[in-house]
């Protein structure tokens, strides 16, 4: 057990006491939640081979936090810790090592300027999108433009359009669905 010196030069039992409190709390509050935690991990993590390691990492984080201060709401703390760990793992998986991208010239990566075929294709796609937008009902089109092109939140869309947030969400949803349907129908030659 780890002890730290106190101000008088002797050993303090604060750390030992915190650890025994954390031990008791962990066994009483966290261990009974293992089934729920495992179900959460199995539902939210694709690689099933990593689930036991994830559980262990969550337990370590929860226990270490409890040695500093016992959480008031153990279940919420456990699942917030689990969620945060999964988010951290996803972020780590998305990071590209700098070594992999050191010499773009040797990889024959295209420059920033697209080729003529790509420019023509992009212009054609923009024309198709503009035509599909024009086919939408006016209020749906306005919600889609404000939300997806101008990047406004539902609250901001509602304020701009003078409607409730719920109505803004419906207009946005209906508009996007209609837009996708129109673009899909156009790209498949009119077949649905």
N, C-alpha and C. Protein backbone atom coordinates (compact mmCIF):
# COMPACT_ATOMS: atom_id res chain seq x y z
N UNK A 1 0.84 -1.17 0.00
CA UNK A 1 0.00 0.00 0.00
C UNK A 1 0.89 1.24 0.00
N UNK A 2 0.50 2.28 -0.71
CA UNK A 2 1.31 3.48 -0.85
C UNK A 2 0.96 4.44 0.27
N UNK A 3 1.98 4.97 0.90
CA UNK A 3 1.78 6.01 1.91
C UNK A 3 2.63 7.19 1.54
N UNK A 4 2.21 8.35 1.99
CA UNK A 4 3.01 9.54 1.72
C UNK A 4 3.42 10.18 3.03
N UNK A 5 4.54 10.85 3.03
CA UNK A 5 4.99 11.49 4.27
C UNK A 5 4.08 12.66 4.62
N UNK A 6 3.84 12.86 5.93
CA UNK A 6 3.06 14.03 6.32
C UNK A 6 4.02 15.18 6.62
N UNK A 7 3.49 16.27 7.08
CA UNK A 7 4.31 17.48 7.28
C UNK A 7 5.28 17.33 8.44
N UNK A 8 5.06 16.39 9.35
CA UNK A 8 5.95 16.22 10.48
C UNK A 8 7.07 15.23 10.16
N UNK A 9 7.17 14.74 8.94
CA UNK A 9 8.24 13.83 8.57
C UNK A 9 7.86 12.37 8.76
N UNK A 10 6.72 12.05 9.32
CA UNK A 10 6.27 10.68 9.53
C UNK A 10 5.47 10.21 8.33
N UNK A 11 4.79 9.08 8.47
CA UNK A 11 3.96 8.53 7.39
C UNK A 11 2.51 8.86 7.66
N UNK A 12 1.78 9.22 6.62
CA UNK A 12 0.35 9.51 6.74
C UNK A 12 -0.45 8.31 6.26
N UNK A 13 -1.57 8.09 6.85
CA UNK A 13 -2.43 6.98 6.42
C UNK A 13 -3.57 7.48 5.53
N UNK A 14 -3.49 8.73 5.08
CA UNK A 14 -4.55 9.29 4.22
C UNK A 14 -4.74 8.47 2.95
N UNK A 15 -3.64 8.12 2.31
CA UNK A 15 -3.72 7.37 1.06
C UNK A 15 -4.29 5.99 1.32
N UNK A 16 -3.83 5.33 2.38
CA UNK A 16 -4.33 4.00 2.71
C UNK A 16 -5.82 4.05 3.04
N UNK A 17 -6.21 5.07 3.74
CA UNK A 17 -7.63 5.23 4.09
C UNK A 17 -8.47 5.47 2.85
N UNK A 18 -7.99 6.32 1.94
CA UNK A 18 -8.72 6.59 0.70
C UNK A 18 -8.86 5.32 -0.13
N UNK A 19 -7.79 4.52 -0.15
CA UNK A 19 -7.84 3.29 -0.94
C UNK A 19 -8.80 2.28 -0.32
N UNK A 20 -8.82 2.16 1.02
CA UNK A 20 -9.75 1.20 1.62
C UNK A 20 -11.19 1.68 1.45
N UNK A 21 -11.43 2.98 1.53
CA UNK A 21 -12.77 3.51 1.25
C UNK A 21 -13.16 3.24 -0.19
N UNK A 22 -12.22 3.44 -1.10
CA UNK A 22 -12.49 3.19 -2.52
C UNK A 22 -12.73 1.71 -2.77
N UNK A 23 -11.98 0.84 -2.08
CA UNK A 23 -12.19 -0.61 -2.22
C UNK A 23 -13.61 -0.98 -1.83
N UNK A 24 -14.03 -0.53 -0.66
CA UNK A 24 -15.37 -0.87 -0.17
C UNK A 24 -16.45 -0.31 -1.09
N UNK A 25 -16.28 0.95 -1.49
CA UNK A 25 -17.25 1.57 -2.38
C UNK A 25 -17.31 0.83 -3.72
N UNK A 26 -16.16 0.50 -4.27
CA UNK A 26 -16.09 -0.18 -5.56
C UNK A 26 -16.82 -1.52 -5.50
N UNK A 27 -16.56 -2.29 -4.47
CA UNK A 27 -17.20 -3.61 -4.33
C UNK A 27 -18.71 -3.46 -4.12
N UNK A 28 -19.11 -2.47 -3.36
CA UNK A 28 -20.52 -2.29 -3.03
C UNK A 28 -21.32 -1.67 -4.19
N UNK A 29 -20.73 -0.69 -4.89
CA UNK A 29 -21.49 0.09 -5.87
C UNK A 29 -21.20 -0.28 -7.33
N UNK A 30 -19.98 -0.61 -7.66
CA UNK A 30 -19.58 -0.79 -9.06
C UNK A 30 -19.66 -2.24 -9.52
N UNK A 31 -19.13 -3.16 -8.72
CA UNK A 31 -19.12 -4.57 -9.13
C UNK A 31 -20.53 -5.09 -9.46
N UNK A 32 -21.57 -4.74 -8.68
CA UNK A 32 -22.91 -5.22 -9.05
C UNK A 32 -23.42 -4.71 -10.40
N UNK A 33 -22.80 -3.67 -10.93
CA UNK A 33 -23.22 -3.10 -12.23
C UNK A 33 -22.50 -3.75 -13.41
N UNK A 34 -21.69 -4.77 -13.15
CA UNK A 34 -20.88 -5.36 -14.21
C UNK A 34 -21.72 -5.89 -15.36
N UNK A 35 -22.84 -6.55 -15.07
CA UNK A 35 -23.69 -7.08 -16.14
C UNK A 35 -24.19 -5.98 -17.05
N UNK A 36 -24.65 -4.89 -16.45
CA UNK A 36 -25.13 -3.75 -17.26
C UNK A 36 -24.01 -3.12 -18.06
N UNK A 37 -22.83 -3.02 -17.43
CA UNK A 37 -21.68 -2.45 -18.12
C UNK A 37 -21.29 -3.31 -19.32
N UNK A 38 -21.24 -4.62 -19.12
CA UNK A 38 -20.88 -5.52 -20.22
C UNK A 38 -21.90 -5.43 -21.36
N UNK A 39 -23.16 -5.34 -21.01
CA UNK A 39 -24.21 -5.20 -22.03
C UNK A 39 -24.02 -3.89 -22.80
N UNK A 40 -23.71 -2.81 -22.09
CA UNK A 40 -23.45 -1.52 -22.71
C UNK A 40 -22.28 -1.61 -23.68
N UNK A 41 -21.20 -2.24 -23.24
CA UNK A 41 -20.00 -2.35 -24.08
C UNK A 41 -20.28 -3.22 -25.32
N UNK A 42 -20.97 -4.33 -25.13
CA UNK A 42 -21.27 -5.21 -26.26
C UNK A 42 -22.17 -4.51 -27.28
N UNK A 43 -23.05 -3.66 -26.79
CA UNK A 43 -23.95 -2.94 -27.69
C UNK A 43 -23.25 -1.79 -28.43
N UNK A 44 -22.23 -1.20 -27.78
CA UNK A 44 -21.63 0.01 -28.33
C UNK A 44 -20.22 -0.14 -28.88
N UNK A 45 -19.66 -1.35 -28.86
CA UNK A 45 -18.30 -1.53 -29.37
C UNK A 45 -18.28 -2.69 -30.35
N UNK A 46 -17.80 -2.45 -31.55
CA UNK A 46 -17.81 -3.47 -32.60
C UNK A 46 -16.87 -4.64 -32.35
N UNK A 47 -15.67 -4.35 -31.91
CA UNK A 47 -14.67 -5.41 -31.73
C UNK A 47 -14.89 -6.11 -30.39
N UNK A 48 -15.58 -7.21 -30.44
CA UNK A 48 -15.95 -7.95 -29.22
C UNK A 48 -14.73 -8.48 -28.47
N UNK A 49 -13.62 -8.68 -29.17
CA UNK A 49 -12.41 -9.18 -28.52
C UNK A 49 -11.81 -8.15 -27.56
N UNK A 50 -12.17 -6.89 -27.70
CA UNK A 50 -11.61 -5.83 -26.86
C UNK A 50 -12.47 -5.52 -25.64
N UNK A 51 -13.63 -6.12 -25.52
CA UNK A 51 -14.58 -5.73 -24.48
C UNK A 51 -14.03 -5.95 -23.07
N UNK A 52 -13.39 -7.08 -22.82
CA UNK A 52 -12.84 -7.32 -21.47
C UNK A 52 -11.76 -6.30 -21.13
N UNK A 53 -10.94 -5.94 -22.11
CA UNK A 53 -9.92 -4.92 -21.87
C UNK A 53 -10.55 -3.56 -21.60
N UNK A 54 -11.61 -3.25 -22.33
CA UNK A 54 -12.32 -1.99 -22.11
C UNK A 54 -12.90 -1.95 -20.69
N UNK A 55 -13.53 -3.06 -20.29
CA UNK A 55 -14.10 -3.13 -18.94
C UNK A 55 -13.02 -2.86 -17.90
N UNK A 56 -11.87 -3.50 -18.07
CA UNK A 56 -10.78 -3.33 -17.11
C UNK A 56 -10.30 -1.89 -17.07
N UNK A 57 -10.17 -1.26 -18.23
CA UNK A 57 -9.74 0.14 -18.29
C UNK A 57 -10.77 1.05 -17.60
N UNK A 58 -12.04 0.77 -17.80
CA UNK A 58 -13.09 1.55 -17.15
C UNK A 58 -13.00 1.38 -15.64
N UNK A 59 -12.83 0.16 -15.18
CA UNK A 59 -12.70 -0.11 -13.75
C UNK A 59 -11.50 0.64 -13.16
N UNK A 60 -10.40 0.66 -13.88
CA UNK A 60 -9.21 1.38 -13.39
C UNK A 60 -9.51 2.86 -13.25
N UNK A 61 -10.12 3.44 -14.27
CA UNK A 61 -10.43 4.87 -14.24
C UNK A 61 -11.40 5.20 -13.10
N UNK A 62 -12.42 4.36 -12.94
CA UNK A 62 -13.42 4.60 -11.89
C UNK A 62 -12.76 4.47 -10.51
N UNK A 63 -11.97 3.44 -10.32
CA UNK A 63 -11.33 3.21 -9.02
C UNK A 63 -10.36 4.35 -8.69
N UNK A 64 -9.54 4.74 -9.66
CA UNK A 64 -8.59 5.82 -9.40
C UNK A 64 -9.31 7.12 -9.03
N UNK A 65 -10.42 7.39 -9.70
CA UNK A 65 -11.20 8.58 -9.36
C UNK A 65 -11.77 8.46 -7.95
N UNK A 66 -12.19 7.26 -7.57
CA UNK A 66 -12.79 7.04 -6.24
C UNK A 66 -11.76 7.19 -5.13
N UNK A 67 -10.49 6.94 -5.41
CA UNK A 67 -9.47 7.13 -4.37
C UNK A 67 -9.27 8.61 -4.07
N UNK A 68 -9.62 9.45 -5.03
CA UNK A 68 -9.53 10.90 -4.81
C UNK A 68 -10.81 11.42 -4.17
N UNK A 69 -11.94 11.02 -4.73
CA UNK A 69 -13.25 11.44 -4.21
C UNK A 69 -14.29 10.42 -4.65
N UNK A 70 -15.05 9.89 -3.72
CA UNK A 70 -16.08 8.91 -4.04
C UNK A 70 -17.21 9.61 -4.79
N UNK A 71 -17.54 9.15 -6.01
CA UNK A 71 -18.64 9.77 -6.77
C UNK A 71 -19.98 9.59 -6.06
N UNK A 72 -20.81 10.61 -6.13
CA UNK A 72 -22.12 10.57 -5.48
C UNK A 72 -23.10 9.65 -6.21
N UNK A 73 -22.99 9.59 -7.53
CA UNK A 73 -23.90 8.77 -8.33
C UNK A 73 -23.08 7.72 -9.07
N UNK A 74 -22.84 6.58 -8.43
CA UNK A 74 -21.92 5.58 -8.99
C UNK A 74 -22.32 5.07 -10.37
N UNK A 75 -23.59 4.77 -10.57
CA UNK A 75 -24.01 4.22 -11.86
C UNK A 75 -23.78 5.22 -12.99
N UNK A 76 -24.19 6.46 -12.77
CA UNK A 76 -23.99 7.49 -13.78
C UNK A 76 -22.50 7.72 -14.04
N UNK A 77 -21.71 7.70 -12.97
CA UNK A 77 -20.27 7.90 -13.11
C UNK A 77 -19.64 6.77 -13.91
N UNK A 78 -20.04 5.53 -13.61
CA UNK A 78 -19.51 4.37 -14.32
C UNK A 78 -19.81 4.46 -15.82
N UNK A 79 -21.05 4.76 -16.16
CA UNK A 79 -21.42 4.79 -17.58
C UNK A 79 -20.89 6.02 -18.30
N UNK A 80 -20.73 7.13 -17.59
CA UNK A 80 -20.09 8.29 -18.21
C UNK A 80 -18.62 7.98 -18.50
N UNK A 81 -17.97 7.29 -17.57
CA UNK A 81 -16.58 6.88 -17.77
C UNK A 81 -16.48 5.93 -18.96
N UNK A 82 -17.40 4.98 -19.05
CA UNK A 82 -17.40 4.02 -20.16
C UNK A 82 -17.59 4.75 -21.49
N UNK A 83 -18.55 5.64 -21.53
CA UNK A 83 -18.81 6.39 -22.76
C UNK A 83 -17.59 7.22 -23.17
N UNK A 84 -16.97 7.87 -22.20
CA UNK A 84 -15.80 8.69 -22.50
C UNK A 84 -14.63 7.84 -23.01
N UNK A 85 -14.46 6.65 -22.43
CA UNK A 85 -13.40 5.76 -22.90
C UNK A 85 -13.65 5.33 -24.34
N UNK A 86 -14.90 4.99 -24.66
CA UNK A 86 -15.22 4.59 -26.04
C UNK A 86 -14.97 5.75 -27.01
N UNK A 87 -15.33 6.94 -26.60
CA UNK A 87 -15.08 8.12 -27.44
C UNK A 87 -13.58 8.31 -27.64
N UNK A 88 -12.81 8.16 -26.56
CA UNK A 88 -11.34 8.28 -26.67
C UNK A 88 -10.78 7.25 -27.65
N UNK A 89 -11.27 6.02 -27.57
CA UNK A 89 -10.77 4.95 -28.45
C UNK A 89 -11.11 5.25 -29.91
N UNK A 90 -12.31 5.76 -30.16
CA UNK A 90 -12.69 6.10 -31.54
C UNK A 90 -11.81 7.22 -32.05
N UNK A 91 -11.58 8.22 -31.22
CA UNK A 91 -10.70 9.33 -31.64
C UNK A 91 -9.30 8.84 -31.96
N UNK A 92 -8.78 7.94 -31.12
CA UNK A 92 -7.44 7.40 -31.36
C UNK A 92 -7.39 6.64 -32.68
N UNK A 93 -8.46 5.94 -32.99
CA UNK A 93 -8.49 5.16 -34.23
C UNK A 93 -8.53 6.07 -35.46
N UNK A 94 -9.05 7.28 -35.29
CA UNK A 94 -9.15 8.21 -36.41
C UNK A 94 -7.88 9.00 -36.67
N UNK A 95 -6.96 8.99 -35.71
CA UNK A 95 -5.71 9.73 -35.86
C UNK A 95 -4.80 8.99 -36.82
N UNK A 96 -4.28 9.72 -37.80
CA UNK A 96 -3.35 9.14 -38.77
C UNK A 96 -1.94 9.47 -38.29
N UNK A 97 -1.10 8.47 -38.11
CA UNK A 97 0.26 8.76 -37.66
C UNK A 97 0.99 9.67 -38.65
N UNK A 98 1.78 10.59 -38.13
CA UNK A 98 2.50 11.55 -38.97
C UNK A 98 3.46 10.83 -39.90
N UNK A 99 4.00 9.69 -39.49
CA UNK A 99 4.93 8.93 -40.33
C UNK A 99 4.24 8.47 -41.61
N UNK A 100 2.96 8.20 -41.52
CA UNK A 100 2.23 7.69 -42.68
C UNK A 100 2.03 8.77 -43.74
N UNK A 101 2.20 10.02 -43.36
CA UNK A 101 1.92 11.09 -44.30
C UNK A 101 3.12 12.02 -44.49
N UNK A 102 4.32 11.55 -44.26
CA UNK A 102 5.49 12.42 -44.34
C UNK A 102 5.81 12.88 -45.75
N UNK A 103 5.80 11.99 -46.71
CA UNK A 103 6.24 12.36 -48.04
C UNK A 103 5.13 12.12 -49.07
N UNK A 104 4.28 13.12 -49.24
CA UNK A 104 3.15 13.00 -50.16
C UNK A 104 3.61 12.89 -51.62
N UNK A 105 4.77 13.46 -51.94
CA UNK A 105 5.25 13.40 -53.31
C UNK A 105 5.51 11.95 -53.75
N UNK A 106 6.05 11.14 -52.85
CA UNK A 106 6.34 9.76 -53.21
C UNK A 106 5.06 8.92 -53.29
N UNK A 107 4.01 9.41 -52.67
CA UNK A 107 2.74 8.67 -52.72
C UNK A 107 1.96 8.99 -53.98
N UNK A 108 2.43 9.96 -54.77
CA UNK A 108 1.75 10.38 -55.99
C UNK A 108 0.33 10.85 -55.69
N UNK A 109 0.22 11.62 -54.61
CA UNK A 109 -1.08 12.17 -54.22
C UNK A 109 -1.36 13.39 -55.11
N UNK A 110 -2.59 13.49 -55.56
CA UNK A 110 -2.96 14.62 -56.42
C UNK A 110 -2.82 15.92 -55.64
N UNK A 111 -2.52 16.97 -56.34
CA UNK A 111 -2.41 18.28 -55.72
C UNK A 111 -3.78 18.81 -55.33
N UNK A 112 -3.80 20.05 -54.88
CA UNK A 112 -5.04 20.68 -54.47
C UNK A 112 -5.96 20.99 -55.64
N UNK A 113 -5.42 21.10 -56.82
CA UNK A 113 -6.21 21.46 -57.99
C UNK A 113 -6.81 20.22 -58.63
N UNK A 114 -8.14 20.15 -58.69
CA UNK A 114 -8.76 18.98 -59.32
C UNK A 114 -8.55 19.01 -60.83
N UNK A 115 -8.55 17.84 -61.43
CA UNK A 115 -8.41 17.73 -62.87
C UNK A 115 -9.68 18.19 -63.58
N UNK A 116 -9.62 18.35 -64.91
CA UNK A 116 -10.77 18.86 -65.66
C UNK A 116 -12.00 17.95 -65.55
N UNK A 117 -11.79 16.62 -65.51
CA UNK A 117 -12.94 15.72 -65.40
C UNK A 117 -13.65 15.92 -64.07
N UNK A 118 -12.86 16.11 -63.03
CA UNK A 118 -13.43 16.30 -61.69
C UNK A 118 -14.20 17.61 -61.63
N UNK A 119 -13.70 18.65 -62.26
CA UNK A 119 -14.38 19.94 -62.28
C UNK A 119 -15.73 19.80 -62.99
N UNK A 120 -15.76 19.12 -64.11
CA UNK A 120 -17.00 18.92 -64.86
C UNK A 120 -17.99 18.11 -64.03
N UNK A 121 -17.50 17.05 -63.39
CA UNK A 121 -18.38 16.23 -62.56
C UNK A 121 -18.95 17.02 -61.38
N UNK A 122 -18.12 17.84 -60.75
CA UNK A 122 -18.57 18.63 -59.61
C UNK A 122 -19.62 19.65 -60.04
N UNK A 123 -19.40 20.29 -61.19
CA UNK A 123 -20.39 21.26 -61.68
C UNK A 123 -21.71 20.57 -61.99
N UNK A 124 -21.63 19.37 -62.58
CA UNK A 124 -22.84 18.62 -62.89
C UNK A 124 -23.59 18.25 -61.60
N UNK A 125 -22.84 17.83 -60.58
CA UNK A 125 -23.46 17.48 -59.29
C UNK A 125 -24.12 18.70 -58.67
N UNK A 126 -23.47 19.86 -58.76
CA UNK A 126 -24.06 21.09 -58.22
C UNK A 126 -25.35 21.46 -58.95
N UNK A 127 -25.36 21.31 -60.28
CA UNK A 127 -26.58 21.58 -61.05
C UNK A 127 -27.71 20.65 -60.63
N UNK A 128 -27.37 19.36 -60.46
CA UNK A 128 -28.39 18.38 -60.03
C UNK A 128 -28.93 18.73 -58.64
N UNK A 129 -28.04 19.12 -57.75
CA UNK A 129 -28.46 19.50 -56.40
C UNK A 129 -29.35 20.75 -56.44
N UNK A 130 -28.96 21.74 -57.22
CA UNK A 130 -29.77 22.97 -57.34
C UNK A 130 -31.14 22.65 -57.91
N UNK A 131 -31.20 21.81 -58.94
CA UNK A 131 -32.49 21.43 -59.52
C UNK A 131 -33.34 20.67 -58.51
N UNK A 132 -32.71 19.78 -57.74
CA UNK A 132 -33.45 19.03 -56.73
C UNK A 132 -33.96 19.95 -55.62
N UNK A 133 -33.16 20.92 -55.23
CA UNK A 133 -33.58 21.89 -54.22
C UNK A 133 -34.78 22.70 -54.70
N UNK A 134 -34.76 23.06 -55.98
CA UNK A 134 -35.86 23.85 -56.53
C UNK A 134 -37.17 23.07 -56.59
N UNK A 135 -37.10 21.74 -56.58
CA UNK A 135 -38.30 20.91 -56.61
C UNK A 135 -38.96 20.79 -55.23
N UNK A 136 -38.22 21.14 -54.18
CA UNK A 136 -38.77 21.03 -52.82
C UNK A 136 -39.84 22.08 -52.56
N UNK A 137 -40.74 21.76 -51.63
CA UNK A 137 -41.70 22.77 -51.18
C UNK A 137 -40.91 23.93 -50.59
N UNK A 138 -41.38 25.15 -50.76
CA UNK A 138 -40.60 26.33 -50.35
C UNK A 138 -40.12 26.31 -48.89
N UNK A 139 -40.99 25.93 -47.95
CA UNK A 139 -40.59 25.95 -46.55
C UNK A 139 -39.56 24.86 -46.25
N UNK A 140 -39.70 23.71 -46.91
CA UNK A 140 -38.73 22.63 -46.73
C UNK A 140 -37.38 23.07 -47.27
N UNK A 141 -37.42 23.69 -48.47
CA UNK A 141 -36.18 24.15 -49.11
C UNK A 141 -35.49 25.17 -48.21
N UNK A 142 -36.27 26.10 -47.66
CA UNK A 142 -35.70 27.12 -46.79
C UNK A 142 -35.03 26.48 -45.57
N UNK A 143 -35.68 25.49 -44.96
CA UNK A 143 -35.11 24.81 -43.79
C UNK A 143 -33.83 24.06 -44.16
N UNK A 144 -33.83 23.39 -45.30
CA UNK A 144 -32.64 22.65 -45.74
C UNK A 144 -31.48 23.62 -46.02
N UNK A 145 -31.75 24.70 -46.71
CA UNK A 145 -30.70 25.67 -47.02
C UNK A 145 -30.13 26.26 -45.73
N UNK A 146 -31.02 26.66 -44.81
CA UNK A 146 -30.55 27.24 -43.55
C UNK A 146 -29.77 26.23 -42.71
N UNK A 147 -30.26 25.00 -42.66
CA UNK A 147 -29.64 24.00 -41.80
C UNK A 147 -28.41 23.35 -42.39
N UNK A 148 -28.47 22.97 -43.66
CA UNK A 148 -27.38 22.17 -44.23
C UNK A 148 -26.39 22.99 -45.05
N UNK A 149 -26.82 24.12 -45.56
CA UNK A 149 -25.90 24.93 -46.35
C UNK A 149 -25.33 26.07 -45.51
N UNK A 150 -26.20 26.77 -44.75
CA UNK A 150 -25.72 27.86 -43.91
C UNK A 150 -25.25 27.36 -42.55
N UNK A 151 -25.60 26.12 -42.19
CA UNK A 151 -25.11 25.52 -40.96
C UNK A 151 -25.78 26.00 -39.68
N UNK A 152 -27.01 26.48 -39.78
CA UNK A 152 -27.70 26.96 -38.59
C UNK A 152 -28.26 25.79 -37.78
N UNK A 153 -28.42 26.00 -36.48
CA UNK A 153 -29.03 24.99 -35.61
C UNK A 153 -30.55 25.02 -35.82
N UNK A 154 -31.22 24.02 -35.28
CA UNK A 154 -32.69 23.99 -35.41
C UNK A 154 -33.31 25.21 -34.75
N UNK A 155 -32.76 25.61 -33.62
CA UNK A 155 -33.28 26.80 -32.93
C UNK A 155 -33.13 28.03 -33.82
N UNK A 156 -31.98 28.17 -34.45
CA UNK A 156 -31.75 29.33 -35.32
C UNK A 156 -32.64 29.27 -36.56
N UNK A 157 -32.84 28.07 -37.09
CA UNK A 157 -33.75 27.92 -38.24
C UNK A 157 -35.15 28.36 -37.84
N UNK A 158 -35.60 27.89 -36.69
CA UNK A 158 -36.95 28.23 -36.21
C UNK A 158 -37.09 29.74 -36.03
N UNK A 159 -36.09 30.37 -35.45
CA UNK A 159 -36.14 31.82 -35.26
C UNK A 159 -36.17 32.55 -36.60
N UNK A 160 -35.34 32.14 -37.52
CA UNK A 160 -35.28 32.78 -38.83
C UNK A 160 -36.59 32.62 -39.60
N UNK A 161 -37.20 31.41 -39.49
CA UNK A 161 -38.42 31.13 -40.25
C UNK A 161 -39.68 31.54 -39.49
N UNK A 162 -39.55 31.89 -38.22
CA UNK A 162 -40.71 32.28 -37.43
C UNK A 162 -41.61 31.10 -37.08
N UNK A 163 -41.01 29.95 -36.80
CA UNK A 163 -41.77 28.74 -36.48
C UNK A 163 -41.18 28.11 -35.22
N UNK A 164 -41.80 27.06 -34.72
CA UNK A 164 -41.28 26.37 -33.55
C UNK A 164 -40.10 25.49 -33.95
N UNK A 165 -39.31 25.10 -32.95
CA UNK A 165 -38.17 24.21 -33.22
C UNK A 165 -38.64 22.87 -33.76
N UNK A 166 -39.74 22.37 -33.22
CA UNK A 166 -40.28 21.09 -33.69
C UNK A 166 -40.67 21.15 -35.16
N UNK A 167 -41.31 22.24 -35.55
CA UNK A 167 -41.69 22.41 -36.95
C UNK A 167 -40.45 22.55 -37.82
N UNK A 168 -39.45 23.27 -37.33
CA UNK A 168 -38.19 23.42 -38.08
C UNK A 168 -37.54 22.05 -38.28
N UNK A 169 -37.56 21.23 -37.23
CA UNK A 169 -36.97 19.89 -37.34
C UNK A 169 -37.73 19.05 -38.36
N UNK A 170 -39.07 19.16 -38.37
CA UNK A 170 -39.87 18.41 -39.35
C UNK A 170 -39.58 18.89 -40.77
N UNK A 171 -39.58 20.19 -40.97
CA UNK A 171 -39.31 20.72 -42.31
C UNK A 171 -37.94 20.26 -42.80
N UNK A 172 -36.95 20.31 -41.90
CA UNK A 172 -35.60 19.90 -42.26
C UNK A 172 -35.57 18.42 -42.62
N UNK A 173 -36.20 17.61 -41.81
CA UNK A 173 -36.22 16.17 -42.05
C UNK A 173 -36.96 15.84 -43.36
N UNK A 174 -38.13 16.41 -43.53
CA UNK A 174 -38.91 16.15 -44.74
C UNK A 174 -38.16 16.64 -45.98
N UNK A 175 -37.54 17.81 -45.86
CA UNK A 175 -36.80 18.37 -46.99
C UNK A 175 -35.62 17.51 -47.39
N UNK A 176 -34.89 17.02 -46.41
CA UNK A 176 -33.73 16.17 -46.70
C UNK A 176 -34.19 14.85 -47.33
N UNK A 177 -35.25 14.27 -46.77
CA UNK A 177 -35.76 13.01 -47.34
C UNK A 177 -36.21 13.21 -48.79
N UNK A 178 -36.93 14.29 -49.04
CA UNK A 178 -37.39 14.56 -50.40
C UNK A 178 -36.21 14.84 -51.34
N UNK A 179 -35.22 15.54 -50.83
CA UNK A 179 -34.03 15.84 -51.62
C UNK A 179 -33.28 14.56 -51.98
N UNK A 180 -33.09 13.69 -51.02
CA UNK A 180 -32.41 12.41 -51.27
C UNK A 180 -33.20 11.59 -52.27
N UNK A 181 -34.50 11.54 -52.08
CA UNK A 181 -35.35 10.77 -52.99
C UNK A 181 -35.25 11.31 -54.42
N UNK A 182 -35.28 12.62 -54.57
CA UNK A 182 -35.17 13.23 -55.90
C UNK A 182 -33.81 12.94 -56.53
N UNK A 183 -32.75 13.11 -55.76
CA UNK A 183 -31.41 12.86 -56.29
C UNK A 183 -31.22 11.39 -56.63
N UNK A 184 -31.73 10.50 -55.80
CA UNK A 184 -31.62 9.07 -56.07
C UNK A 184 -32.40 8.70 -57.33
N UNK A 185 -33.62 9.23 -57.44
CA UNK A 185 -34.45 8.93 -58.61
C UNK A 185 -33.77 9.45 -59.88
N UNK A 186 -33.19 10.66 -59.82
CA UNK A 186 -32.52 11.23 -60.98
C UNK A 186 -31.27 10.43 -61.37
N UNK A 187 -30.53 9.93 -60.35
CA UNK A 187 -29.30 9.22 -60.66
C UNK A 187 -29.57 7.80 -61.14
N UNK A 188 -30.74 7.26 -60.82
CA UNK A 188 -31.06 5.90 -61.28
C UNK A 188 -31.89 5.91 -62.56
N UNK A 189 -31.92 7.04 -63.21
CA UNK A 189 -32.61 7.13 -64.50
C UNK A 189 -34.12 7.19 -64.36
N UNK A 190 -34.60 7.72 -63.24
CA UNK A 190 -36.05 7.86 -63.07
C UNK A 190 -36.71 6.65 -62.45
N UNK A 191 -35.93 5.60 -62.16
CA UNK A 191 -36.49 4.41 -61.52
C UNK A 191 -36.47 4.60 -60.01
N UNK A 192 -37.51 4.12 -59.31
CA UNK A 192 -37.53 4.18 -57.85
C UNK A 192 -37.67 2.82 -57.25
